[in-house]
Amino acid sequence: MSGDLQFVDQRDKKLKRFRHMGVYGSVIQPHRSMTAFHLVPSSLLSMIAIPFILILFLLLGLPHVMHLWQVFFSYAFDLMGIESDINVYTIKILPYYYLNIPSCGMEAEWPTITDFSRVGITITVIFIISFIFSESFTPLIYFLRVVCLVQLTAFVYFKFEPVPFSYNLSEYN
């Protein structure tokens, strides 16, 4: 029985030596994912501080982003010649933090058969084009097909919805 233990012990030593041996006897260093993570106070502090800093930047930056959207809407409406108001909805996020969200103040129209035809032809052409690209353009192919899928869901919705929209866009919030 003790002979078996010696054999197992020798085998374990050889296996342990072979685990770190590479080609021609070189030493294989353990991968960084196999090293132990030591939790020190500075890493704990960074795990807590980084999300708080990111949330702070988000809260400080959102009003500026919303203002830029409002400027973009007014510029785009002027450029396209659309006579519409820009509604601003104020939302209370924190006790003393309010966010002004701009939105378009124009009425949504029910699509006509001409709209369906134009969009249907365009989406069909885009879907067919997505089969022409080579495999090296796989992300673009997937993106084009997702766009077609989203548009198809809009077609299905408008096909089976019996009445126009039941709400006024400027009053919706």
N, C-alpha and C. Protein backbone atom coordinates (compact mmCIF):
# COMPACT_ATOMS: atom_id res chain seq x y z
N MET A 1 0.81 -1.19 0.00
CA MET A 1 0.00 0.00 0.00
C MET A 1 0.86 1.26 0.00
N SER A 2 1.96 1.23 0.75
CA SER A 2 2.84 2.39 0.81
C SER A 2 3.52 2.62 -0.53
N GLY A 3 3.70 1.55 -1.33
CA GLY A 3 4.26 1.71 -2.67
C GLY A 3 3.34 2.49 -3.57
N ASP A 4 2.04 2.26 -3.42
CA ASP A 4 1.06 3.01 -4.20
C ASP A 4 1.09 4.49 -3.85
N LEU A 5 1.27 4.80 -2.58
CA LEU A 5 1.31 6.19 -2.14
C LEU A 5 2.54 6.90 -2.69
N GLN A 6 3.67 6.18 -2.73
CA GLN A 6 4.89 6.77 -3.28
C GLN A 6 4.72 7.03 -4.77
N PHE A 7 4.07 6.10 -5.47
CA PHE A 7 3.84 6.26 -6.91
C PHE A 7 2.92 7.47 -7.17
N VAL A 8 1.88 7.58 -6.38
CA VAL A 8 0.94 8.71 -6.53
C VAL A 8 1.65 10.02 -6.21
N ASP A 9 2.49 10.02 -5.18
CA ASP A 9 3.22 11.22 -4.81
C ASP A 9 4.19 11.64 -5.91
N GLN A 10 4.91 10.69 -6.49
CA GLN A 10 5.83 10.99 -7.59
C GLN A 10 5.06 11.50 -8.81
N ARG A 11 3.93 10.85 -9.08
CA ARG A 11 3.12 11.27 -10.23
C ARG A 11 2.62 12.70 -10.03
N ASP A 12 2.18 13.03 -8.83
CA ASP A 12 1.69 14.38 -8.56
C ASP A 12 2.80 15.41 -8.72
N LYS A 13 4.00 15.09 -8.28
CA LYS A 13 5.13 16.00 -8.43
C LYS A 13 5.45 16.23 -9.91
N LYS A 14 5.43 15.15 -10.71
CA LYS A 14 5.69 15.29 -12.15
C LYS A 14 4.61 16.12 -12.83
N LEU A 15 3.35 15.86 -12.47
CA LEU A 15 2.26 16.63 -13.07
C LEU A 15 2.35 18.11 -12.71
N LYS A 16 2.73 18.39 -11.46
CA LYS A 16 2.86 19.77 -11.04
C LYS A 16 3.98 20.47 -11.82
N ARG A 17 5.05 19.74 -12.09
CA ARG A 17 6.17 20.30 -12.85
C ARG A 17 5.76 20.50 -14.31
N PHE A 18 4.98 19.58 -14.88
CA PHE A 18 4.58 19.67 -16.29
C PHE A 18 3.54 20.77 -16.53
N ARG A 19 2.78 21.10 -15.50
CA ARG A 19 1.75 22.13 -15.68
C ARG A 19 2.32 23.48 -16.04
N HIS A 20 3.52 23.75 -15.63
CA HIS A 20 4.14 25.04 -15.89
C HIS A 20 5.28 24.93 -16.90
N MET A 21 5.32 23.83 -17.65
CA MET A 21 6.39 23.64 -18.61
C MET A 21 5.83 23.82 -20.01
N GLY A 22 6.48 24.68 -20.81
CA GLY A 22 6.05 24.93 -22.17
C GLY A 22 6.88 24.14 -23.17
N VAL A 23 6.90 24.62 -24.38
CA VAL A 23 7.63 23.97 -25.46
C VAL A 23 9.13 24.07 -25.17
N TYR A 24 9.85 22.99 -25.39
CA TYR A 24 11.30 22.89 -25.18
C TYR A 24 11.71 23.25 -23.76
N GLY A 25 10.85 22.98 -22.80
CA GLY A 25 11.18 23.16 -21.40
C GLY A 25 11.05 24.57 -20.88
N SER A 26 10.49 25.47 -21.65
CA SER A 26 10.33 26.84 -21.16
C SER A 26 9.24 26.89 -20.08
N VAL A 27 9.28 27.94 -19.28
CA VAL A 27 8.35 28.07 -18.17
C VAL A 27 7.15 28.90 -18.62
N ILE A 28 5.96 28.39 -18.33
CA ILE A 28 4.72 29.09 -18.66
C ILE A 28 4.29 29.88 -17.43
N GLN A 29 4.16 31.19 -17.60
CA GLN A 29 3.70 32.03 -16.50
C GLN A 29 2.18 31.91 -16.39
N PRO A 30 1.63 31.95 -15.18
CA PRO A 30 0.17 31.89 -15.05
C PRO A 30 -0.49 33.12 -15.68
N HIS A 31 -1.64 32.90 -16.29
CA HIS A 31 -2.37 33.99 -16.92
C HIS A 31 -2.89 34.93 -15.85
N ARG A 32 -3.09 36.19 -16.21
CA ARG A 32 -3.52 37.18 -15.23
C ARG A 32 -4.89 36.85 -14.63
N SER A 33 -5.70 36.08 -15.37
CA SER A 33 -7.01 35.72 -14.82
C SER A 33 -6.90 34.64 -13.75
N MET A 34 -5.74 33.99 -13.65
CA MET A 34 -5.56 32.94 -12.66
C MET A 34 -4.86 33.45 -11.41
N THR A 35 -4.52 34.71 -11.40
CA THR A 35 -3.90 35.26 -10.20
C THR A 35 -4.98 35.72 -9.24
N ALA A 36 -4.67 35.72 -7.99
CA ALA A 36 -5.65 36.07 -6.96
C ALA A 36 -5.78 37.58 -6.86
N PHE A 37 -6.99 38.04 -6.63
CA PHE A 37 -7.25 39.47 -6.42
C PHE A 37 -7.22 39.74 -4.93
N HIS A 38 -6.40 40.69 -4.55
CA HIS A 38 -6.29 41.04 -3.14
C HIS A 38 -7.10 42.32 -2.91
N LEU A 39 -8.07 42.21 -2.05
CA LEU A 39 -8.92 43.36 -1.74
C LEU A 39 -8.21 44.22 -0.70
N VAL A 40 -7.84 45.40 -1.13
CA VAL A 40 -7.19 46.36 -0.25
C VAL A 40 -8.11 47.57 -0.11
N PRO A 41 -7.90 48.40 0.89
CA PRO A 41 -8.80 49.55 1.08
C PRO A 41 -8.88 50.48 -0.14
N SER A 42 -7.79 50.64 -0.85
CA SER A 42 -7.84 51.54 -2.02
C SER A 42 -8.72 50.96 -3.14
N SER A 43 -8.71 49.65 -3.32
CA SER A 43 -9.58 49.07 -4.35
C SER A 43 -11.04 49.14 -3.93
N LEU A 44 -11.31 48.98 -2.66
CA LEU A 44 -12.67 49.12 -2.17
C LEU A 44 -13.16 50.56 -2.34
N LEU A 45 -12.28 51.51 -2.05
CA LEU A 45 -12.62 52.91 -2.22
C LEU A 45 -12.89 53.24 -3.69
N SER A 46 -12.09 52.70 -4.59
CA SER A 46 -12.31 52.96 -6.01
C SER A 46 -13.59 52.31 -6.52
N MET A 47 -13.95 51.14 -5.98
CA MET A 47 -15.19 50.48 -6.38
C MET A 47 -16.41 51.30 -5.96
N ILE A 48 -16.29 52.04 -4.90
CA ILE A 48 -17.40 52.86 -4.44
C ILE A 48 -17.36 54.24 -5.09
N ALA A 49 -16.16 54.81 -5.24
CA ALA A 49 -16.04 56.18 -5.73
C ALA A 49 -16.33 56.30 -7.22
N ILE A 50 -15.90 55.36 -8.03
CA ILE A 50 -16.07 55.48 -9.48
C ILE A 50 -17.54 55.55 -9.89
N PRO A 51 -18.44 54.68 -9.40
CA PRO A 51 -19.85 54.85 -9.77
C PRO A 51 -20.44 56.18 -9.30
N PHE A 52 -20.06 56.64 -8.10
CA PHE A 52 -20.57 57.93 -7.63
C PHE A 52 -20.09 59.07 -8.50
N ILE A 53 -18.84 59.03 -8.93
CA ILE A 53 -18.31 60.08 -9.81
C ILE A 53 -19.03 60.05 -11.15
N LEU A 54 -19.27 58.86 -11.70
CA LEU A 54 -19.97 58.76 -12.98
C LEU A 54 -21.41 59.26 -12.86
N ILE A 55 -22.08 58.93 -11.76
CA ILE A 55 -23.45 59.43 -11.55
C ILE A 55 -23.44 60.95 -11.40
N LEU A 56 -22.45 61.48 -10.72
CA LEU A 56 -22.35 62.93 -10.56
C LEU A 56 -22.16 63.61 -11.91
N PHE A 57 -21.26 63.06 -12.76
CA PHE A 57 -21.08 63.61 -14.09
C PHE A 57 -22.36 63.53 -14.91
N LEU A 58 -23.09 62.43 -14.76
CA LEU A 58 -24.36 62.28 -15.48
C LEU A 58 -25.35 63.34 -15.04
N LEU A 59 -25.50 63.51 -13.74
CA LEU A 59 -26.46 64.50 -13.24
C LEU A 59 -26.06 65.92 -13.60
N LEU A 60 -24.77 66.21 -13.61
CA LEU A 60 -24.32 67.55 -13.98
C LEU A 60 -24.39 67.79 -15.48
N GLY A 61 -24.25 66.72 -16.28
CA GLY A 61 -24.22 66.87 -17.72
C GLY A 61 -25.57 66.80 -18.41
N LEU A 62 -26.55 66.15 -17.79
CA LEU A 62 -27.86 65.99 -18.43
C LEU A 62 -28.54 67.31 -18.78
N PRO A 63 -28.55 68.31 -17.92
CA PRO A 63 -29.19 69.57 -18.32
C PRO A 63 -28.56 70.19 -19.57
N HIS A 64 -27.25 70.06 -19.70
CA HIS A 64 -26.58 70.60 -20.88
C HIS A 64 -26.95 69.80 -22.13
N VAL A 65 -27.05 68.49 -21.99
CA VAL A 65 -27.45 67.65 -23.13
C VAL A 65 -28.88 67.98 -23.55
N MET A 66 -29.77 68.18 -22.59
CA MET A 66 -31.16 68.52 -22.92
C MET A 66 -31.24 69.89 -23.59
N HIS A 67 -30.41 70.83 -23.15
CA HIS A 67 -30.37 72.13 -23.81
C HIS A 67 -29.87 72.00 -25.25
N LEU A 68 -28.86 71.17 -25.46
CA LEU A 68 -28.37 70.95 -26.83
C LEU A 68 -29.44 70.31 -27.71
N TRP A 69 -30.26 69.40 -27.14
CA TRP A 69 -31.36 68.82 -27.91
C TRP A 69 -32.37 69.90 -28.29
N GLN A 70 -32.65 70.82 -27.38
CA GLN A 70 -33.59 71.89 -27.66
C GLN A 70 -33.05 72.78 -28.78
N VAL A 71 -31.76 73.10 -28.74
CA VAL A 71 -31.14 73.89 -29.81
C VAL A 71 -31.18 73.12 -31.13
N PHE A 72 -30.91 71.82 -31.07
CA PHE A 72 -30.94 70.99 -32.28
C PHE A 72 -32.34 70.97 -32.88
N PHE A 73 -33.37 70.80 -32.03
CA PHE A 73 -34.75 70.80 -32.54
C PHE A 73 -35.09 72.11 -33.23
N SER A 74 -34.76 73.23 -32.60
CA SER A 74 -35.10 74.52 -33.19
C SER A 74 -34.34 74.73 -34.50
N TYR A 75 -33.07 74.34 -34.55
CA TYR A 75 -32.29 74.48 -35.78
C TYR A 75 -32.86 73.58 -36.88
N ALA A 76 -33.19 72.33 -36.54
CA ALA A 76 -33.71 71.40 -37.54
C ALA A 76 -35.07 71.85 -38.05
N PHE A 77 -35.92 72.36 -37.16
CA PHE A 77 -37.24 72.83 -37.60
C PHE A 77 -37.10 74.04 -38.52
N ASP A 78 -36.19 74.95 -38.19
CA ASP A 78 -35.96 76.10 -39.06
C ASP A 78 -35.40 75.66 -40.41
N LEU A 79 -34.49 74.71 -40.41
CA LEU A 79 -33.87 74.23 -41.64
C LEU A 79 -34.88 73.53 -42.54
N MET A 80 -35.80 72.75 -41.94
CA MET A 80 -36.78 72.02 -42.74
C MET A 80 -38.05 72.82 -42.99
N GLY A 81 -38.17 73.97 -42.39
CA GLY A 81 -39.34 74.80 -42.60
C GLY A 81 -40.58 74.27 -41.92
N ILE A 82 -40.42 73.60 -40.80
CA ILE A 82 -41.55 73.04 -40.06
C ILE A 82 -42.01 74.08 -39.05
N GLU A 83 -43.30 74.40 -39.09
CA GLU A 83 -43.88 75.32 -38.13
C GLU A 83 -44.36 74.50 -36.93
N SER A 84 -43.55 74.44 -35.91
CA SER A 84 -43.92 73.66 -34.73
C SER A 84 -43.27 74.26 -33.50
N ASP A 85 -43.92 74.01 -32.38
CA ASP A 85 -43.38 74.46 -31.11
C ASP A 85 -42.48 73.38 -30.52
N ILE A 86 -41.58 73.84 -29.67
CA ILE A 86 -40.75 72.89 -28.92
C ILE A 86 -41.25 72.94 -27.48
N ASN A 87 -41.88 71.86 -27.06
CA ASN A 87 -42.40 71.78 -25.70
C ASN A 87 -41.28 71.33 -24.76
N VAL A 88 -41.27 71.89 -23.57
CA VAL A 88 -40.28 71.51 -22.57
C VAL A 88 -41.04 70.99 -21.35
N TYR A 89 -40.77 69.74 -21.01
CA TYR A 89 -41.39 69.11 -19.84
C TYR A 89 -40.36 69.08 -18.71
N THR A 90 -40.77 69.53 -17.56
CA THR A 90 -39.89 69.55 -16.39
C THR A 90 -40.20 68.35 -15.52
N ILE A 91 -39.18 67.57 -15.24
CA ILE A 91 -39.33 66.37 -14.42
C ILE A 91 -38.46 66.52 -13.17
N LYS A 92 -39.06 66.22 -12.02
CA LYS A 92 -38.31 66.27 -10.77
C LYS A 92 -37.62 64.92 -10.57
N ILE A 93 -36.28 64.94 -10.57
CA ILE A 93 -35.51 63.71 -10.42
C ILE A 93 -35.11 63.50 -8.96
N LEU A 94 -34.55 64.54 -8.36
CA LEU A 94 -34.17 64.54 -6.95
C LEU A 94 -34.89 65.71 -6.27
N PRO A 95 -34.84 65.81 -4.96
CA PRO A 95 -35.59 66.89 -4.31
C PRO A 95 -35.30 68.29 -4.85
N TYR A 96 -34.06 68.59 -5.19
CA TYR A 96 -33.73 69.92 -5.70
C TYR A 96 -33.13 69.85 -7.11
N TYR A 97 -33.40 68.78 -7.82
CA TYR A 97 -32.83 68.59 -9.16
C TYR A 97 -33.96 68.34 -10.14
N TYR A 98 -34.14 69.28 -11.06
CA TYR A 98 -35.18 69.19 -12.06
C TYR A 98 -34.53 69.08 -13.44
N LEU A 99 -35.15 68.34 -14.32
CA LEU A 99 -34.62 68.14 -15.66
C LEU A 99 -35.66 68.60 -16.67
N ASN A 100 -35.25 69.52 -17.56
CA ASN A 100 -36.13 70.02 -18.61
C ASN A 100 -35.89 69.19 -19.88
N ILE A 101 -36.92 68.46 -20.29
CA ILE A 101 -36.81 67.58 -21.45
C ILE A 101 -37.56 68.20 -22.61
N PRO A 102 -36.86 68.53 -23.72
CA PRO A 102 -37.55 69.11 -24.88
C PRO A 102 -38.21 68.01 -25.72
N SER A 103 -39.32 68.38 -26.37
CA SER A 103 -39.98 67.46 -27.29
C SER A 103 -40.64 68.27 -28.39
N CYS A 104 -40.96 67.59 -29.47
CA CYS A 104 -41.60 68.24 -30.61
C CYS A 104 -43.07 68.48 -30.28
N GLY A 105 -43.60 69.60 -30.73
CA GLY A 105 -44.98 69.92 -30.46
C GLY A 105 -45.87 69.75 -31.68
N MET A 106 -45.52 68.88 -32.60
CA MET A 106 -46.33 68.72 -33.81
C MET A 106 -47.23 67.50 -33.71
N GLU A 107 -48.29 67.52 -34.46
CA GLU A 107 -49.24 66.42 -34.45
C GLU A 107 -48.72 65.25 -35.28
N ALA A 108 -48.95 64.06 -34.80
CA ALA A 108 -48.57 62.86 -35.54
C ALA A 108 -49.68 62.50 -36.51
N GLU A 109 -49.30 62.24 -37.75
CA GLU A 109 -50.29 61.89 -38.77
C GLU A 109 -50.28 60.39 -39.01
N TRP A 110 -51.44 59.88 -39.38
CA TRP A 110 -51.54 58.48 -39.74
C TRP A 110 -50.91 58.30 -41.11
N PRO A 111 -50.05 57.28 -41.30
CA PRO A 111 -49.40 57.12 -42.60
C PRO A 111 -50.40 56.78 -43.71
N THR A 112 -50.14 57.35 -44.88
CA THR A 112 -51.00 57.09 -46.04
C THR A 112 -50.45 55.90 -46.79
N ILE A 113 -51.19 55.46 -47.81
CA ILE A 113 -50.74 54.33 -48.62
C ILE A 113 -49.47 54.69 -49.39
N THR A 114 -49.30 55.97 -49.72
CA THR A 114 -48.06 56.41 -50.38
C THR A 114 -46.88 56.25 -49.44
N ASP A 115 -47.07 56.60 -48.18
CA ASP A 115 -46.00 56.43 -47.19
C ASP A 115 -45.63 54.95 -47.05
N PHE A 116 -46.66 54.10 -46.97
CA PHE A 116 -46.40 52.66 -46.87
C PHE A 116 -45.62 52.16 -48.08
N SER A 117 -46.01 52.61 -49.28
CA SER A 117 -45.35 52.15 -50.50
C SER A 117 -43.90 52.57 -50.54
N ARG A 118 -43.62 53.84 -50.26
CA ARG A 118 -42.24 54.34 -50.31
C ARG A 118 -41.35 53.63 -49.29
N VAL A 119 -41.84 53.55 -48.07
CA VAL A 119 -41.04 52.91 -47.02
C VAL A 119 -40.89 51.42 -47.29
N GLY A 120 -41.94 50.78 -47.76
CA GLY A 120 -41.87 49.35 -48.08
C GLY A 120 -40.85 49.05 -49.16
N ILE A 121 -40.84 49.85 -50.21
CA ILE A 121 -39.87 49.65 -51.30
C ILE A 121 -38.45 49.90 -50.78
N THR A 122 -38.28 50.96 -50.02
CA THR A 122 -36.95 51.28 -49.49
C THR A 122 -36.42 50.17 -48.58
N ILE A 123 -37.26 49.69 -47.68
CA ILE A 123 -36.83 48.65 -46.76
C ILE A 123 -36.57 47.34 -47.50
N THR A 124 -37.36 47.03 -48.50
CA THR A 124 -37.13 45.82 -49.29
C THR A 124 -35.79 45.90 -50.01
N VAL A 125 -35.49 47.06 -50.58
CA VAL A 125 -34.20 47.25 -51.26
C VAL A 125 -33.05 47.11 -50.26
N ILE A 126 -33.18 47.71 -49.09
CA ILE A 126 -32.13 47.60 -48.07
C ILE A 126 -31.95 46.15 -47.63
N PHE A 127 -33.05 45.43 -47.46
CA PHE A 127 -32.96 44.02 -47.06
C PHE A 127 -32.27 43.19 -48.13
N ILE A 128 -32.57 43.43 -49.39
CA ILE A 128 -31.92 42.69 -50.49
C ILE A 128 -30.43 43.06 -50.56
N ILE A 129 -30.13 44.33 -50.38
CA ILE A 129 -28.72 44.76 -50.41
C ILE A 129 -27.93 44.08 -49.29
N SER A 130 -28.57 43.81 -48.16
CA SER A 130 -27.86 43.19 -47.04
C SER A 130 -27.37 41.78 -47.39
N PHE A 131 -27.95 41.13 -48.38
CA PHE A 131 -27.49 39.81 -48.81
C PHE A 131 -26.34 39.90 -49.79
N ILE A 132 -26.09 41.06 -50.35
CA ILE A 132 -25.04 41.22 -51.37
C ILE A 132 -23.67 41.38 -50.73
N PHE A 133 -23.61 41.97 -49.53
CA PHE A 133 -22.33 42.22 -48.88
C PHE A 133 -21.61 40.92 -48.54
N SER A 134 -20.28 40.99 -48.51
CA SER A 134 -19.49 39.82 -48.14
C SER A 134 -19.48 39.63 -46.63
N GLU A 135 -18.90 38.52 -46.19
CA GLU A 135 -18.88 38.21 -44.75
C GLU A 135 -18.06 39.20 -43.94
N SER A 136 -17.16 39.92 -44.57
CA SER A 136 -16.35 40.88 -43.82
C SER A 136 -17.18 42.07 -43.34
N PHE A 137 -18.37 42.26 -43.90
CA PHE A 137 -19.26 43.33 -43.49
C PHE A 137 -20.40 42.83 -42.59
N THR A 138 -20.16 41.77 -41.84
CA THR A 138 -21.20 41.16 -41.02
C THR A 138 -21.86 42.14 -40.05
N PRO A 139 -21.13 43.01 -39.34
CA PRO A 139 -21.82 43.96 -38.46
C PRO A 139 -22.78 44.88 -39.22
N LEU A 140 -22.37 45.35 -40.39
CA LEU A 140 -23.24 46.19 -41.21
C LEU A 140 -24.47 45.41 -41.68
N ILE A 141 -24.27 44.17 -42.06
CA ILE A 141 -25.39 43.32 -42.49
C ILE A 141 -26.39 43.17 -41.36
N TYR A 142 -25.91 42.87 -40.16
CA TYR A 142 -26.81 42.72 -39.02
C TYR A 142 -27.54 44.03 -38.72
N PHE A 143 -26.84 45.15 -38.79
CA PHE A 143 -27.46 46.44 -38.53
C PHE A 143 -28.57 46.71 -39.54
N LEU A 144 -28.30 46.48 -40.82
CA LEU A 144 -29.32 46.72 -41.85
C LEU A 144 -30.54 45.82 -41.63
N ARG A 145 -30.31 44.59 -41.26
CA ARG A 145 -31.44 43.68 -41.04
C ARG A 145 -32.23 44.05 -39.80
N VAL A 146 -31.58 44.56 -38.77
CA VAL A 146 -32.31 45.02 -37.58
C VAL A 146 -33.16 46.24 -37.92
N VAL A 147 -32.62 47.14 -38.74
CA VAL A 147 -33.41 48.29 -39.18
C VAL A 147 -34.65 47.81 -39.94
N CYS A 148 -34.48 46.83 -40.79
CA CYS A 148 -35.62 46.28 -41.53
C CYS A 148 -36.62 45.63 -40.58
N LEU A 149 -36.14 44.93 -39.57
CA LEU A 149 -37.04 44.29 -38.60
C LEU A 149 -37.84 45.33 -37.82
N VAL A 150 -37.19 46.41 -37.40
CA VAL A 150 -37.90 47.46 -36.67
C VAL A 150 -38.97 48.08 -37.56
N GLN A 151 -38.62 48.32 -38.82
CA GLN A 151 -39.60 48.90 -39.74
C GLN A 151 -40.76 47.93 -40.00
N LEU A 152 -40.45 46.64 -40.03
CA LEU A 152 -41.51 45.65 -40.22
C LEU A 152 -42.48 45.65 -39.05
N THR A 153 -41.98 45.84 -37.84
CA THR A 153 -42.89 45.91 -36.69
C THR A 153 -43.79 47.14 -36.79
N ALA A 154 -43.27 48.24 -37.32
CA ALA A 154 -44.12 49.42 -37.52
C ALA A 154 -45.20 49.14 -38.56
N PHE A 155 -44.83 48.43 -39.64
CA PHE A 155 -45.82 48.05 -40.65
C PHE A 155 -46.92 47.19 -40.04
N VAL A 156 -46.54 46.22 -39.25
CA VAL A 156 -47.53 45.32 -38.63
C VAL A 156 -48.43 46.11 -37.69
N TYR A 157 -47.85 47.03 -36.92
CA TYR A 157 -48.66 47.83 -36.00
C TYR A 157 -49.69 48.65 -36.78
N PHE A 158 -49.24 49.37 -37.80
CA PHE A 158 -50.16 50.22 -38.54
C PHE A 158 -51.16 49.42 -39.37
N LYS A 159 -50.82 48.19 -39.69
CA LYS A 159 -51.76 47.35 -40.44
C LYS A 159 -52.93 46.92 -39.56
N PHE A 160 -52.66 46.56 -38.32
CA PHE A 160 -53.70 46.01 -37.46
C PHE A 160 -54.32 47.03 -36.51
N GLU A 161 -53.80 48.23 -36.43
CA GLU A 161 -54.38 49.26 -35.58
C GLU A 161 -55.55 49.89 -36.34
N PRO A 162 -56.78 49.79 -35.81
CA PRO A 162 -57.93 50.22 -36.58
C PRO A 162 -58.13 51.74 -36.64
N VAL A 163 -57.72 52.47 -35.61
CA VAL A 163 -57.99 53.91 -35.58
C VAL A 163 -56.68 54.67 -35.47
N PRO A 164 -56.70 55.96 -35.84
CA PRO A 164 -55.49 56.77 -35.65
C PRO A 164 -55.12 56.89 -34.17
N PHE A 165 -54.01 57.52 -33.93
CA PHE A 165 -53.50 57.66 -32.57
C PHE A 165 -54.55 58.27 -31.67
N SER A 166 -54.63 57.78 -30.47
CA SER A 166 -55.65 58.24 -29.54
C SER A 166 -55.16 59.38 -28.65
N TYR A 167 -54.00 59.91 -28.91
CA TYR A 167 -53.50 60.98 -28.06
C TYR A 167 -52.87 62.06 -28.92
N ASN A 168 -52.80 63.24 -28.35
CA ASN A 168 -52.18 64.38 -28.98
C ASN A 168 -50.73 64.41 -28.49
N LEU A 169 -49.78 64.48 -29.40
CA LEU A 169 -48.37 64.38 -29.04
C LEU A 169 -47.94 65.52 -28.12
N SER A 170 -48.46 66.71 -28.32
CA SER A 170 -48.04 67.83 -27.48
C SER A 170 -48.57 67.70 -26.05
N GLU A 171 -49.66 66.94 -25.85
CA GLU A 171 -50.19 66.75 -24.51
C GLU A 171 -49.67 65.47 -23.86
N TYR A 172 -48.96 64.64 -24.59
CA TYR A 172 -48.49 63.36 -24.08
C TYR A 172 -47.20 63.56 -23.32
N ASN A 173 -47.13 63.07 -22.09
CA ASN A 173 -45.88 63.16 -21.34
C ASN A 173 -45.77 62.01 -20.38
